[in-house]
């Protein structure tokens, strides 16, 4: 077993193809029909609204 080295190693460049190649792309605008009904709130929102109605002010 060896101990820590007193001379730190320098940085090295990774092999080609190993690093992530991230490309950001926009999905564009989302057009929502004005005649469409409002989406139903999710379960957590419905429960929070119900709790708020039940608590006396």
Protein backbone atom coordinates (compact mmCIF):
# COMPACT_ATOMS: atom_id res chain seq x y z
CA UNK A 1 0.00 0.00 0.00
CA UNK A 2 1.36 3.39 -0.91
CA UNK A 3 0.78 6.73 0.73
CA UNK A 4 -0.30 9.97 -0.91
CA UNK A 5 2.08 11.43 -3.44
CA UNK A 6 3.88 14.61 -2.50
CA UNK A 7 3.92 15.69 -6.15
CA UNK A 8 0.42 16.21 -7.52
CA UNK A 9 -0.31 15.06 -11.05
CA UNK A 10 -1.23 17.63 -13.66
CA UNK A 11 -4.51 17.70 -15.52
CA UNK A 12 -4.87 15.55 -18.60
CA UNK A 13 -7.16 15.84 -21.59
CA UNK A 14 -9.77 13.10 -21.84
CA UNK A 15 -9.97 10.66 -24.71
CA UNK A 16 -11.94 11.90 -27.72
CA UNK A 17 -15.63 11.04 -27.51
CA UNK A 18 -15.64 10.68 -23.72
CA UNK A 19 -16.92 14.13 -22.82
CA UNK A 20 -20.57 15.14 -23.07
CA UNK A 21 -21.56 17.14 -26.10
CA UNK A 22 -24.60 19.15 -24.99
CA UNK A 23 -26.71 20.94 -27.54
CA UNK A 24 -29.41 23.35 -26.39
CA UNK A 25 -32.36 23.66 -28.70
CA UNK A 26 -35.62 25.52 -28.36
CA UNK A 27 -38.85 23.65 -28.87
CA UNK A 28 -40.53 26.79 -30.11
CA UNK A 29 -43.75 28.39 -28.98
CA UNK A 30 -46.60 26.39 -27.56
CA UNK A 31 -49.92 27.66 -28.88
CA UNK A 32 -52.86 26.95 -26.60
CA UNK A 33 -56.36 27.18 -28.01
CA UNK A 34 -58.36 29.86 -26.17
CA UNK A 35 -61.52 27.77 -26.50
CA UNK A 36 -59.95 24.80 -24.72
CA UNK A 37 -61.10 24.23 -21.12
CA UNK A 38 -58.67 25.04 -18.32
CA UNK A 39 -56.59 22.03 -17.28
CA UNK A 40 -57.62 20.30 -14.05
CA UNK A 41 -55.27 21.10 -11.14
CA UNK A 42 -53.06 18.26 -9.96
CA UNK A 43 -53.78 16.27 -6.82
CA UNK A 44 -51.48 18.28 -4.54
CA UNK A 45 -53.12 21.55 -5.61
CA UNK A 46 -56.62 20.17 -5.12
CA UNK A 47 -55.72 18.96 -1.62
CA UNK A 48 -54.17 22.33 -0.71
CA UNK A 49 -57.29 24.16 -1.89
CA UNK A 50 -59.51 21.79 0.11
CA UNK A 51 -57.37 22.33 3.25
CA UNK A 52 -57.52 26.09 2.81
CA UNK A 53 -61.34 26.01 2.56
CA UNK A 54 -61.67 23.85 5.68
CA UNK A 55 -59.46 25.95 7.99
CA UNK A 56 -61.42 28.56 9.93
CA UNK A 57 -60.12 32.12 9.51
